PDB file of N, CA and C in Angstrom:
ATOM      1  N   MET A   1     109.349  77.809 109.986  1.00  0.00           N
ATOM      2  CA  MET A   1     110.770  77.697 110.231  1.00  0.00           C
ATOM      3  C   MET A   1     111.184  79.142 109.536  1.00  0.00           C
ATOM      4  N   THR A   2     111.567  79.588 110.591  1.00  0.00           N
ATOM      5  CA  THR A   2     112.586  80.851 110.398  1.00  0.00           C
ATOM      6  C   THR A   2     113.943  81.295 110.635  1.00  0.00           C
ATOM      7  N   LEU A   3     114.463  82.261 110.258  1.00  0.00           N
ATOM      8  CA  LEU A   3     115.939  82.404 110.397  1.00  0.00           C
ATOM      9  C   LEU A   3     116.519  83.619 111.299  1.00  0.00           C
ATOM     10  N   ARG A   4     116.638  83.441 112.154  1.00  0.00           N
ATOM     11  CA  ARG A   4     116.584  84.310 113.405  1.00  0.00           C
ATOM     12  C   ARG A   4     115.709  85.795 113.155  1.00  0.00           C
ATOM     13  N   GLY A   5     114.510  84.864 113.710  1.00  0.00           N
ATOM     14  CA  GLY A   5     113.496  86.307 113.156  1.00  0.00           C
ATOM     15  C   GLY A   5     113.360  87.305 111.992  1.00  0.00           C
ATOM     16  N   GLY A   6     113.385  86.579 111.076  1.00  0.00           N
ATOM     17  CA  GLY A   6     113.377  87.234 109.968  1.00  0.00           C
ATOM     18  C   GLY A   6     111.857  86.230 109.133  1.00  0.00           C
ATOM     19  N   PRO A   7     111.378  86.802 107.867  1.00  0.00           N
ATOM     20  CA  PRO A   7     110.749  85.819 107.217  1.00  0.00           C
ATOM     21  C   PRO A   7     110.875  84.422 107.522  1.00  0.00           C
ATOM     22  N   ALA A   8     109.595  83.341 107.176  1.00  0.00           N
ATOM     23  CA  ALA A   8     109.697  82.317 106.619  1.00  0.00           C
ATOM     24  C   ALA A   8     110.765  81.813 105.763  1.00  0.00           C
ATOM     25  N   VAL A   9     111.411  80.426 106.087  1.00  0.00           N
ATOM     26  CA  VAL A   9     112.063  80.093 105.076  1.00  0.00           C
ATOM     27  C   VAL A   9     111.441  79.701 103.606  1.00  0.00           C
ATOM     28  N   GLU A  10     110.347  79.174 103.909  1.00  0.00           N
ATOM     29  CA  GLU A  10     108.637  79.009 102.383  1.00  0.00           C
ATOM     30  C   GLU A  10     108.829  80.035 101.967  1.00  0.00           C
ATOM     31  N   ALA A  11     108.465  81.148 102.243  1.00  0.00           N
ATOM     32  CA  ALA A  11     108.393  82.497 101.812  1.00  0.00           C
ATOM     33  C   ALA A  11     108.897  82.918 100.946  1.00  0.00           C
ATOM     34  N   GLY A  12     110.432  82.618 101.546  1.00  0.00           N
ATOM     35  CA  GLY A  12     111.606  83.545 100.626  1.00  0.00           C
ATOM     36  C   GLY A  12     111.852  82.309  99.115  1.00  0.00           C
ATOM     37  N   MET A  13     111.440  80.870  99.742  1.00  0.00           N
ATOM     38  CA  MET A  13     111.601  79.903  98.773  1.00  0.00           C
ATOM     39  C   MET A  13     110.942  80.199  97.908  1.00  0.00           C
ATOM     40  N   LEU A  14     109.780  80.582  97.863  1.00  0.00           N
ATOM     41  CA  LEU A  14     108.282  80.652  97.323  1.00  0.00           C
ATOM     42  C   LEU A  14     108.773  81.838  96.149  1.00  0.00           C
ATOM     43  N   ALA A  15     109.136  83.515  97.014  1.00  0.00           N
ATOM     44  CA  ALA A  15     109.361  84.349  96.132  1.00  0.00           C
ATOM     45  C   ALA A  15     111.008  83.449  95.025  1.00  0.00           C
ATOM     46  N   GLY A  16     111.759  83.239  95.737  1.00  0.00           N
ATOM     47  CA  GLY A  16     112.743  82.940  94.639  1.00  0.00           C
ATOM     48  C   GLY A  16     112.387  82.068  93.105  1.00  0.00           C
ATOM     49  N   VAL A  17     111.348  81.136  93.569  1.00  0.00           N
ATOM     50  CA  VAL A  17     110.518  80.286  92.479  1.00  0.00           C
ATOM     51  C   VAL A  17     109.904  81.346  91.538  1.00  0.00           C
ATOM     52  N   ALA A  18     109.073  82.611  91.831  1.00  0.00           N
ATOM     53  CA  ALA A  18     108.332  83.110  91.658  1.00  0.00           C
ATOM     54  C   ALA A  18     109.371  84.585  90.775  1.00  0.00           C
ATOM     55  N   ALA A  19     110.059  85.417  91.026  1.00  0.00           N
ATOM     56  CA  ALA A  19     111.295  85.290  90.067  1.00  0.00           C
ATOM     57  C   ALA A  19     111.985  84.874  89.513  1.00  0.00           C
ATOM     58  N   SER A  20     112.418  83.237  89.739  1.00  0.00           N
ATOM     59  CA  SER A  20     113.281  82.949  88.473  1.00  0.00           C
ATOM     60  C   SER A  20     111.952  82.803  87.216  1.00  0.00           C
ATOM     61  N   GLY A  21     110.836  82.201  87.740  1.00  0.00           N
ATOM     62  CA  GLY A  21     109.718  82.160  87.032  1.00  0.00           C
ATOM     63  C   GLY A  21     109.727  83.511  85.851  1.00  0.00           C
ATOM     64  N   GLY A  22     109.391  84.164  86.328  1.00  0.00           N
ATOM     65  CA  GLY A  22     109.212  85.737  85.534  1.00  0.00           C
ATOM     66  C   GLY A  22     110.348  86.316  84.977  1.00  0.00           C
ATOM     67  N   ALA A  23     111.451  86.226  85.254  1.00  0.00           N
ATOM     68  CA  ALA A  23     112.435  86.333  84.407  1.00  0.00           C
ATOM     69  C   ALA A  23     112.697  84.845  83.430  1.00  0.00           C
ATOM     70  N   LEU A  24     112.243  84.401  83.392  1.00  0.00           N
ATOM     71  CA  LEU A  24     112.206  82.979  81.945  1.00  0.00           C
ATOM     72  C   LEU A  24     111.209  84.144  81.261  1.00  0.00           C
ATOM     73  N   LEU A  25     110.054  84.418  81.763  1.00  0.00           N
ATOM     74  CA  LEU A  25     108.851  84.873  80.810  1.00  0.00           C
ATOM     75  C   LEU A  25     109.482  86.008  80.351  1.00  0.00           C
ATOM     76  N   ILE A  26     110.413  87.004  80.863  1.00  0.00           N
ATOM     77  CA  ILE A  26     110.679  88.127  80.757  1.00  0.00           C
ATOM     78  C   ILE A  26     111.316  88.086  79.032  1.00  0.00           C
ATOM     79  N   ALA A  27     112.506  86.704  79.554  1.00  0.00           N
ATOM     80  CA  ALA A  27     113.112  86.108  78.538  1.00  0.00           C
ATOM     81  C   ALA A  27     112.893  85.682  77.533  1.00  0.00           C
ATOM     82  N   GLY A  28     111.921  85.082  77.636  1.00  0.00           N
ATOM     83  CA  GLY A  28     110.888  84.425  76.572  1.00  0.00           C
ATOM     84  C   GLY A  28     111.882  82.878  76.038  1.00  0.00           C
ATOM     85  N   LEU A  29     112.084  82.007  77.733  1.00  0.00           N
ATOM     86  CA  LEU A  29     112.790  81.112  77.893  1.00  0.00           C
ATOM     87  C   LEU A  29     111.886  79.862  78.542  1.00  0.00           C
ATOM     88  N   TRP A  30     111.177  79.231  77.891  1.00  0.00           N
ATOM     89  CA  TRP A  30     110.389  77.967  78.013  1.00  0.00           C
ATOM     90  C   TRP A  30     109.647  78.174  78.989  1.00  0.00           C
ATOM     91  N   THR A  31     108.757  79.258  77.725  1.00  0.00           N
ATOM     92  CA  THR A  31     107.896  79.740  78.092  1.00  0.00           C
ATOM     93  C   THR A  31     106.290  79.177  78.628  1.00  0.00           C
ATOM     94  N   PRO A  32     105.678  77.925  78.149  1.00  0.00           N
ATOM     95  CA  PRO A  32     105.171  77.303  79.063  1.00  0.00           C
ATOM     96  C   PRO A  32     105.244  76.618  79.654  1.00  0.00           C
ATOM     97  N   ILE A  33     106.565  76.607  80.402  1.00  0.00           N
ATOM     98  CA  ILE A  33     107.282  75.623  81.568  1.00  0.00           C
ATOM     99  C   ILE A  33     107.048  76.694  83.121  1.00  0.00           C
ATOM    100  N   ALA A  34     107.685  78.144  82.258  1.00  0.00           N
ATOM    101  CA  ALA A  34     107.893  79.425  83.186  1.00  0.00           C
ATOM    102  C   ALA A  34     106.524  79.898  83.533  1.00  0.00           C
ATOM    103  N   GLY A  35     105.879  79.888  83.098  1.00  0.00           N
ATOM    104  CA  GLY A  35     103.734  80.476  82.475  1.00  0.00           C
ATOM    105  C   GLY A  35     103.200  79.844  83.979  1.00  0.00           C
ATOM    106  N   VAL A  36     103.592  77.829  83.938  1.00  0.00           N
ATOM    107  CA  VAL A  36     102.754  77.264  84.549  1.00  0.00           C
ATOM    108  C   VAL A  36     103.456  77.090  85.983  1.00  0.00           C
ATOM    109  N   LEU A  37     104.643  77.553  86.009  1.00  0.00           N
ATOM    110  CA  LEU A  37     105.247  77.838  87.528  1.00  0.00           C
ATOM    111  C   LEU A  37     104.903  78.884  87.901  1.00  0.00           C
ATOM    112  N   VAL A  38     104.571  79.933  87.375  1.00  0.00           N
ATOM    113  CA  VAL A  38     103.837  81.377  87.767  1.00  0.00           C
ATOM    114  C   VAL A  38     103.137  81.320  88.270  1.00  0.00           C
ATOM    115  N   THR A  39     101.925  80.439  87.815  1.00  0.00           N
ATOM    116  CA  THR A  39     100.692  80.546  87.252  1.00  0.00           C
ATOM    117  C   THR A  39     100.070  79.225  88.704  1.00  0.00           C
ATOM    118  N   ALA A  40     101.250  78.661  89.159  1.00  0.00           N
ATOM    119  CA  ALA A  40     101.330  77.794  90.387  1.00  0.00           C
ATOM    120  C   ALA A  40     101.432  78.316  92.001  1.00  0.00           C
ATOM    121  N   VAL A  41     102.396  79.349  91.384  1.00  0.00           N
ATOM    122  CA  VAL A  41     103.031  79.961  92.422  1.00  0.00           C
ATOM    123  C   VAL A  41     101.617  81.129  93.114  1.00  0.00           C
ATOM    124  N   GLU A  42     101.209  81.909  92.072  1.00  0.00           N
ATOM    125  CA  GLU A  42     100.260  82.820  92.463  1.00  0.00           C
ATOM    126  C   GLU A  42      98.637  82.171  92.591  1.00  0.00           C
ATOM    127  N   LEU A  43      98.682  81.050  92.317  1.00  0.00           N
ATOM    128  CA  LEU A  43      97.272  79.967  93.131  1.00  0.00           C
ATOM    129  C   LEU A  43      97.820  80.325  94.257  1.00  0.00           C
ATOM    130  N   TRP A  44      98.742  79.809  94.702  1.00  0.00           N
ATOM    131  CA  TRP A  44      99.646  79.291  96.120  1.00  0.00           C
ATOM    132  C   TRP A  44      99.200  80.453  97.036  1.00  0.00           C
ATOM    133  N   GLU A  45      99.699  81.489  96.772  1.00  0.00           N
ATOM    134  CA  GLU A  45      99.670  82.934  97.380  1.00  0.00           C
ATOM    135  C   GLU A  45      98.129  83.359  97.386  1.00  0.00           C
ATOM    136  N   ILE A  46      97.361  82.805  96.710  1.00  0.00           N
ATOM    137  CA  ILE A  46      95.680  83.463  96.841  1.00  0.00           C
ATOM    138  C   ILE A  46      95.486  82.779  97.662  1.00  0.00           C
ATOM    139  N   SER A  47      95.772  81.135  97.604  1.00  0.00           N
ATOM    140  CA  SER A  47      95.277  80.594  98.787  1.00  0.00           C
ATOM    141  C   SER A  47      95.722  80.769 100.225  1.00  0.00           C
ATOM    142  N   SER A  48      96.979  80.576 100.254  1.00  0.00           N
ATOM    143  CA  SER A  48      97.263  80.800 101.484  1.00  0.00           C
ATOM    144  C   SER A  48      98.146  82.504 102.207  1.00  0.00           C
ATOM    145  N   ASN A  49      97.224  83.366 101.393  1.00  0.00           N
ATOM    146  CA  ASN A  49      97.576  84.670 101.770  1.00  0.00           C
ATOM    147  C   ASN A  49      96.623  85.750 101.505  1.00  0.00           C
ATOM    148  N   ALA A  50      95.551  85.855 102.132  1.00  0.00           N
ATOM    149  CA  ALA A  50      94.159  86.678 101.657  1.00  0.00           C
ATOM    150  C   ALA A  50      94.088  88.138 101.903  1.00  0.00           C
ATOM    151  N   LYS A  51      95.707  88.844 102.242  1.00  0.00           N
ATOM    152  CA  LYS A  51      95.623  89.805 102.251  1.00  0.00           C
ATOM    153  C   LYS A  51      95.544  90.749 101.651  1.00  0.00           C
ATOM    154  N   ASP A  52      95.728  90.951 100.128  1.00  0.00           N
ATOM    155  CA  ASP A  52      95.613  91.624  98.789  1.00  0.00           C
ATOM    156  C   ASP A  52      95.442  90.291  97.719  1.00  0.00           C
ATOM    157  N   PRO A  53      94.502  89.591  97.583  1.00  0.00           N
ATOM    158  CA  PRO A  53      94.568  88.568  96.628  1.00  0.00           C
ATOM    159  C   PRO A  53      94.127  89.005  94.888  1.00  0.00           C
ATOM    160  N   LEU A  54      93.607  90.704  94.952  1.00  0.00           N
ATOM    161  CA  LEU A  54      93.978  91.017  93.300  1.00  0.00           C
ATOM    162  C   LEU A  54      94.958  91.392  92.643  1.00  0.00           C
ATOM    163  N   ALA A  55      95.986  91.457  93.316  1.00  0.00           N
ATOM    164  CA  ALA A  55      97.560  91.464  92.245  1.00  0.00           C
ATOM    165  C   ALA A  55      97.982  90.111  91.968  1.00  0.00           C
ATOM    166  N   HIS A  56      97.799  89.330  92.902  1.00  0.00           N
ATOM    167  CA  HIS A  56      98.238  87.595  92.559  1.00  0.00           C
ATOM    168  C   HIS A  56      97.063  86.696  91.422  1.00  0.00           C
ATOM    169  N   ILE A  57      96.077  87.716  91.468  1.00  0.00           N
ATOM    170  CA  ILE A  57      95.198  86.807  90.672  1.00  0.00           C
ATOM    171  C   ILE A  57      95.149  87.329  89.193  1.00  0.00           C
ATOM    172  N   LEU A  58      95.539  89.082  89.302  1.00  0.00           N
ATOM    173  CA  LEU A  58      96.258  89.308  88.068  1.00  0.00           C
ATOM    174  C   LEU A  58      97.346  88.929  87.610  1.00  0.00           C
ATOM    175  N   LEU A  59      98.621  88.778  88.054  1.00  0.00           N
ATOM    176  CA  LEU A  59      99.428  88.129  87.965  1.00  0.00           C
ATOM    177  C   LEU A  59      99.204  86.951  87.736  1.00  0.00           C
ATOM    178  N   GLY A  60      98.870  85.638  87.691  1.00  0.00           N
ATOM    179  CA  GLY A  60      97.866  84.406  87.784  1.00  0.00           C
ATOM    180  C   GLY A  60      97.917  84.409  86.158  1.00  0.00           C
ATOM    181  N   THR A  61      96.368  84.873  85.919  1.00  0.00           N
ATOM    182  CA  THR A  61      95.962  85.543  85.104  1.00  0.00           C
ATOM    183  C   THR A  61      96.491  85.446  83.825  1.00  0.00           C
ATOM    184  N   LEU A  62      97.732  86.316  84.014  1.00  0.00           N
ATOM    185  CA  LEU A  62      98.610  86.668  83.152  1.00  0.00           C
ATOM    186  C   LEU A  62      99.564  85.515  82.652  1.00  0.00           C
ATOM    187  N   ALA A  63     100.475  85.370  83.621  1.00  0.00           N
ATOM    188  CA  ALA A  63     100.575  84.017  83.369  1.00  0.00           C
ATOM    189  C   ALA A  63     100.153  83.040  82.671  1.00  0.00           C
ATOM    190  N   ALA A  64      99.021  82.547  83.105  1.00  0.00           N
ATOM    191  CA  ALA A  64      98.424  81.402  82.171  1.00  0.00           C
ATOM    192  C   ALA A  64      98.069  81.801  80.433  1.00  0.00           C
ATOM    193  N   ALA A  65      97.820  83.214  80.477  1.00  0.00           N
ATOM    194  CA  ALA A  65      97.980  83.478  79.141  1.00  0.00           C
ATOM    195  C   ALA A  65      98.771  83.382  78.372  1.00  0.00           C
ATOM    196  N   LEU A  66     100.113  83.775  79.007  1.00  0.00           N
ATOM    197  CA  LEU A  66     101.215  83.447  78.662  1.00  0.00           C
ATOM    198  C   LEU A  66     101.436  82.255  77.904  1.00  0.00           C
ATOM    199  N   VAL A  67     100.730  80.892  78.454  1.00  0.00           N
ATOM    200  CA  VAL A  67     101.187  79.981  78.225  1.00  0.00           C
ATOM    201  C   VAL A  67     100.509  79.372  77.296  1.00  0.00           C
ATOM    202  N   LEU A  68      99.066  79.785  77.496  1.00  0.00           N
ATOM    203  CA  LEU A  68      98.112  79.794  76.001  1.00  0.00           C
ATOM    204  C   LEU A  68      98.439  80.307  74.474  1.00  0.00           C
ATOM    205  N   LEU A  69      99.012  81.469  74.871  1.00  0.00           N
ATOM    206  CA  LEU A  69      99.720  82.177  73.733  1.00  0.00           C
ATOM    207  C   LEU A  69     100.861  81.532  73.314  1.00  0.00           C
ATOM    208  N   GLY A  70     101.558  81.234  73.995  1.00  0.00           N
ATOM    209  CA  GLY A  70     102.701  80.865  73.662  1.00  0.00           C
ATOM    210  C   GLY A  70     103.911  81.946  73.382  1.00  0.00           C
ATOM    211  N   PRO A  71     105.318  81.835  73.371  1.00  0.00           N
ATOM    212  CA  PRO A  71     106.208  82.417  72.977  1.00  0.00           C
ATOM    213  C   PRO A  71     106.188  83.978  72.142  1.00  0.00           C
ATOM    214  N   GLY A  72     106.727  85.229  72.164  1.00  0.00           N
ATOM    215  CA  GLY A  72     106.509  85.824  71.057  1.00  0.00           C
ATOM    216  C   GLY A  72     107.666  85.867  69.935  1.00  0.00           C
ATOM    217  N   GLY A  73     107.489  86.571  69.198  1.00  0.00           N
ATOM    218  CA  GLY A  73     108.110  86.212  68.160  1.00  0.00           C
ATOM    219  C   GLY A  73     109.604  86.693  68.068  1.00  0.00           C
ATOM    220  N   TRP A  74     109.924  87.407  68.947  1.00  0.00           N
ATOM    221  CA  TRP A  74     111.443  88.029  69.460  1.00  0.00           C
ATOM    222  C   TRP A  74     111.932  87.131  70.500  1.00  0.00           C
ATOM    223  N   SER A  75     111.227  86.080  71.364  1.00  0.00           N
ATOM    224  CA  SER A  75     111.782  85.812  72.399  1.00  0.00           C
ATOM    225  C   SER A  75     112.841  84.409  72.045  1.00  0.00           C
ATOM    226  N   VAL A  76     113.409  84.142  73.078  1.00  0.00           N
ATOM    227  CA  VAL A  76     114.545  83.304  72.816  1.00  0.00           C
ATOM    228  C   VAL A  76     114.026  81.467  72.528  1.00  0.00           C
ATOM    229  N   ASP A  77     112.304  81.614  72.739  1.00  0.00           N
ATOM    230  CA  ASP A  77     112.151  80.216  72.471  1.00  0.00           C
ATOM    231  C   ASP A  77     111.998  80.359  70.643  1.00  0.00           C
ATOM    232  N   ALA A  78     111.178  81.756  70.282  1.00  0.00           N
ATOM    233  CA  ALA A  78     111.039  81.587  68.752  1.00  0.00           C
ATOM    234  C   ALA A  78     112.266  81.581  68.348  1.00  0.00           C
ATOM    235  N   ARG A  79     113.498  81.977  68.232  1.00  0.00           N
ATOM    236  CA  ARG A  79     114.939  81.620  68.145  1.00  0.00           C
ATOM    237  C   ARG A  79     115.389  80.618  68.002  1.00  0.00           C
ATOM    238  N   LEU A  80     115.531  79.493  68.980  1.00  0.00           N
ATOM    239  CA  LEU A  80     115.187  78.377  69.191  1.00  0.00           C
ATOM    240  C   LEU A  80     115.136  77.473  68.056  1.00  0.00           C
ATOM    241  N   PHE A  81     113.816  77.413  68.633  1.00  0.00           N
ATOM    242  CA  PHE A  81     112.754  76.703  68.401  1.00  0.00           C
ATOM    243  C   PHE A  81     111.517  77.102  66.579  1.00  0.00           C
ATOM    244  N   GLY A  82     112.049  77.918  66.583  1.00  0.00           N
ATOM    245  CA  GLY A  82     111.236  78.825  65.408  1.00  0.00           C
ATOM    246  C   GLY A  82     109.946  79.054  65.482  1.00  0.00           C
ATOM    247  N   TRP A  83     109.434  80.093  65.505  1.00  0.00           N
ATOM    248  CA  TRP A  83     108.140  80.391  65.814  1.00  0.00           C
ATOM    249  C   TRP A  83     107.044  79.838  64.816  1.00  0.00           C
ATOM    250  N   LYS A  84     106.064  79.918  65.535  1.00  0.00           N
ATOM    251  CA  LYS A  84     104.873  78.727  65.130  1.00  0.00           C
ATOM    252  C   LYS A  84     103.951  79.201  64.480  1.00  0.00           C
ATOM    253  N   ARG A  85     103.167  79.184  63.510  1.00  0.00           N
ATOM    254  CA  ARG A  85     102.612  80.371  62.789  1.00  0.00           C
ATOM    255  C   ARG A  85     101.011  79.365  61.945  1.00  0.00           C
ATOM    256  N   ILE A  86      99.644  79.534  62.990  1.00  0.00           N
ATOM    257  CA  ILE A  86      98.766  78.873  62.324  1.00  0.00           C
ATOM    258  C   ILE A  86      98.335  79.479  61.333  1.00  0.00           C
ATOM    259  N   ASN A  87      97.760  78.422  60.097  1.00  0.00           N
ATOM    260  CA  ASN A  87      96.952  79.320  59.309  1.00  0.00           C
ATOM    261  C   ASN A  87      95.487  78.919  59.126  1.00  0.00           C
ATOM    262  N   LEU A  88      94.726  79.847  58.898  1.00  0.00           N
ATOM    263  CA  LEU A  88      93.298  79.378  59.170  1.00  0.00           C
ATOM    264  C   LEU A  88      92.651  79.331  57.447  1.00  0.00           C
ATOM    265  N   ARG A  89      92.073  78.550  57.263  1.00  0.00           N
ATOM    266  CA  ARG A  89      91.217  78.762  55.860  1.00  0.00           C
ATOM    267  C   ARG A  89      90.071  79.224  55.754  1.00  0.00           C
TER     268      ARG A  89
END
């Protein structure tokens, strides 16, 4: 579905979801949820749009790494829930 010859509505919604997930990652708020969201959007972009997959692979990999690493020490998540430290013996 398109609006008056413009880009598809689905593409605009997908870009909005990616932008909101990126903003949450930059702010450090809901890091695991936002990272999974951005990773899913980038995987969708890789599978549906084969023009330049390298940029989407990079962004998806970075978002997945942030999910696994968690928020940083100066993030909003760390201020709200505390910074988790793992001590190895």
